[in-house]
Protein backbone atom coordinates (compact mmCIF):
# COMPACT_ATOMS: atom_id res chain seq x y z
CA UNK A 1 2.75 18.45 7.99
CA UNK A 2 -0.66 19.99 7.81
CA UNK A 3 -4.08 18.61 8.69
CA UNK A 4 -4.84 17.76 5.07
CA UNK A 5 -1.76 15.56 4.71
CA UNK A 6 -2.29 13.92 8.10
CA UNK A 7 -5.96 13.20 7.35
CA UNK A 8 -5.19 11.75 3.92
CA UNK A 9 -2.38 9.66 5.45
CA UNK A 10 -4.57 8.25 8.21
CA UNK A 11 -7.36 7.45 5.73
CA UNK A 12 -4.84 5.87 3.36
CA UNK A 13 -3.26 3.91 6.22
CA UNK A 14 -6.67 2.60 7.27
CA UNK A 15 -7.38 1.59 3.66
CA UNK A 16 -4.02 -0.20 3.43
CA UNK A 17 -4.69 -2.02 6.70
CA UNK A 18 -8.18 -3.19 5.70
CA UNK A 19 -7.30 -4.03 2.11
CA UNK A 20 -4.18 -5.88 3.24
CA UNK A 21 -6.27 -7.97 5.62
CA UNK A 22 -8.79 -8.82 2.92
CA UNK A 23 -6.16 -9.56 0.26
CA UNK A 24 -3.44 -11.31 2.25
CA UNK A 25 -5.51 -13.04 4.91
CA UNK A 26 -8.94 -13.76 3.45
CA UNK A 27 -8.18 -14.11 -0.27
CA UNK A 28 -4.52 -15.18 -0.56
CA UNK A 29 -3.59 -16.31 2.95
CA UNK A 30 -3.91 -20.05 2.47
CA UNK A 31 -2.36 -20.00 -1.01
CA UNK A 32 0.66 -17.89 -0.05
CA UNK A 33 1.42 -19.97 3.05
CA UNK A 34 1.26 -23.14 0.95
CA UNK A 35 3.73 -21.64 -1.55
CA UNK A 36 6.27 -20.60 1.08
CA UNK A 37 9.22 -22.68 2.12
CA UNK A 38 8.56 -23.45 5.79
CA UNK A 39 11.19 -22.42 8.32
CA UNK A 40 10.68 -22.85 12.08
CA UNK A 41 9.89 -19.49 13.61
CA UNK A 42 9.41 -17.74 10.26
CA UNK A 43 5.99 -16.42 11.22
CA UNK A 44 4.81 -14.98 14.51
CA UNK A 45 1.83 -16.73 16.06
CA UNK A 46 -0.10 -13.50 15.54
CA UNK A 47 1.03 -10.27 13.92
CA UNK A 48 2.34 -7.35 15.93
CA UNK A 49 -0.50 -4.92 15.29
CA UNK A 50 1.40 -1.89 16.57
CA UNK A 51 4.13 -2.24 13.96
CA UNK A 52 1.57 -3.23 11.32
CA UNK A 53 -0.43 -0.05 11.88
CA UNK A 54 2.72 2.09 11.95
CA UNK A 55 3.97 0.49 8.72
CA UNK A 56 0.68 1.19 6.94
CA UNK A 57 0.65 4.81 8.10
CA UNK A 58 4.29 5.29 7.06
CA UNK A 59 3.52 3.94 3.57
CA UNK A 60 0.43 6.16 3.37
CA UNK A 61 2.45 9.23 4.43
CA UNK A 62 5.00 8.52 1.70
CA UNK A 63 2.29 8.20 -0.97
CA UNK A 64 0.45 11.27 0.37
CA UNK A 65 3.60 13.39 0.26
CA UNK A 66 4.37 12.23 -3.28
CA UNK A 67 0.82 13.05 -4.38
CA UNK A 68 0.66 16.41 -2.62
CA UNK A 69 4.19 17.80 -2.98
CA UNK A 70 5.37 16.52 -6.35
CA UNK A 71 2.61 14.91 -8.40
CA UNK A 72 -0.25 17.25 -7.45
CA UNK A 73 -2.69 14.34 -7.40
CA UNK A 74 -5.98 15.17 -5.71
CA UNK A 75 -8.63 13.01 -7.37
CA UNK A 76 -9.87 9.45 -6.93
CA UNK A 77 -8.78 8.43 -10.45
CA UNK A 78 -5.43 10.19 -10.22
CA UNK A 79 -4.80 8.51 -6.86
CA UNK A 80 -5.82 5.13 -8.27
CA UNK A 81 -3.33 5.42 -11.13
CA UNK A 82 -0.57 7.01 -9.04
CA UNK A 83 -1.01 4.50 -6.21
CA UNK A 84 -0.89 1.61 -8.67
CA UNK A 85 2.30 2.88 -10.29
CA UNK A 86 4.11 3.53 -7.02
CA UNK A 87 3.16 0.22 -5.41
CA UNK A 88 3.79 -1.81 -8.56
CA UNK A 89 7.40 -0.67 -8.76
CA UNK A 90 8.01 -0.81 -5.00
CA UNK A 91 6.39 -4.25 -4.76
CA UNK A 92 8.38 -5.52 -7.72
CA UNK A 93 11.59 -4.15 -6.23
CA UNK A 94 10.90 -5.63 -2.81
CA UNK A 95 9.93 -9.07 -4.13
CA UNK A 96 12.86 -9.25 -6.54
CA UNK A 97 15.24 -8.37 -3.70
CA UNK A 98 13.67 -11.12 -1.57
CA UNK A 99 14.07 -13.63 -4.39
CA UNK A 100 17.67 -12.49 -4.84
CA UNK A 101 18.71 -13.03 -1.23
CA UNK A 102 16.22 -15.47 0.33
CA UNK A 103 14.60 -18.79 -0.46
CA UNK A 104 11.03 -18.05 0.61
CA UNK A 105 8.85 -19.47 -2.17
CA UNK A 106 8.62 -22.82 -3.94
CA UNK A 107 8.27 -21.10 -7.34
CA UNK A 108 8.22 -17.65 -8.94
CA UNK A 109 4.41 -17.62 -9.29
CA UNK A 110 3.70 -16.33 -5.75
CA UNK A 111 6.07 -13.44 -6.41
CA UNK A 112 4.01 -12.40 -9.44
CA UNK A 113 0.78 -12.81 -7.46
CA UNK A 114 2.21 -10.75 -4.59
CA UNK A 115 3.17 -7.90 -6.91
CA UNK A 116 -0.31 -7.92 -8.47
CA UNK A 117 -2.00 -8.04 -5.05
CA UNK A 118 0.17 -5.24 -3.68
CA UNK A 119 -0.53 -3.14 -6.78
CA UNK A 120 -4.30 -3.57 -6.33
CA UNK A 121 -4.07 -2.62 -2.66
CA UNK A 122 -1.86 0.37 -3.47
CA UNK A 123 -4.16 1.53 -6.26
CA UNK A 124 -7.22 1.49 -4.01
CA UNK A 125 -5.41 3.12 -1.09
CA UNK A 126 -3.99 5.70 -3.50
CA UNK A 127 -7.52 6.41 -4.69
CA UNK A 128 -8.58 7.05 -1.09
CA UNK A 129 -5.60 9.34 -0.52
CA UNK A 130 -6.24 11.23 -3.77
CA UNK A 131 -9.92 11.64 -2.99
CA UNK A 132 -9.25 12.89 0.55
CA UNK A 133 -6.64 15.34 -0.71
CA UNK A 134 -9.15 16.59 -3.28
CA UNK A 135 -11.95 16.94 -0.74
CA UNK A 136 -9.70 18.93 1.58
CA UNK A 137 -8.24 21.25 -1.03
CA UNK A 138 -8.79 24.82 -0.03
CA UNK A 139 -10.92 26.58 -2.58
CA UNK A 140 -9.48 29.87 -3.78
CA UNK A 141 -11.79 32.83 -4.23
CA UNK A 142 -12.72 33.53 -7.83
CA UNK A 143 -10.91 36.43 -9.49
CA UNK A 144 -13.06 39.24 -10.70
């Protein structure tokens, strides 16, 4: 991995971390907890921030590698669209698998809200990753 990919991944991971906090704690925290079936010990008293940070960086590395190696995305808008597409399908997959095997929610509505929230977070983090990749693209000398 080069500096460009690492920088974009760290910036994307930071965006995921901050956006996740805003979306899932400040905006949706109370609603989502009220919609969940309560099991003793389901939630930790406080999150494990080490694994949370690692998870966000891992997700950002995956998106960065997809953008850089295969999709050649290196703009804010391209990252916004690419990030939204990747996280929509991954979020939908993850939530549908949870619904398939676990009884976590009182209805299907929180699943839909979670997919939408995750897509928004992924779109914005993808935009950050795309913009950073674009800013760090090595300019090639003009041909004469």
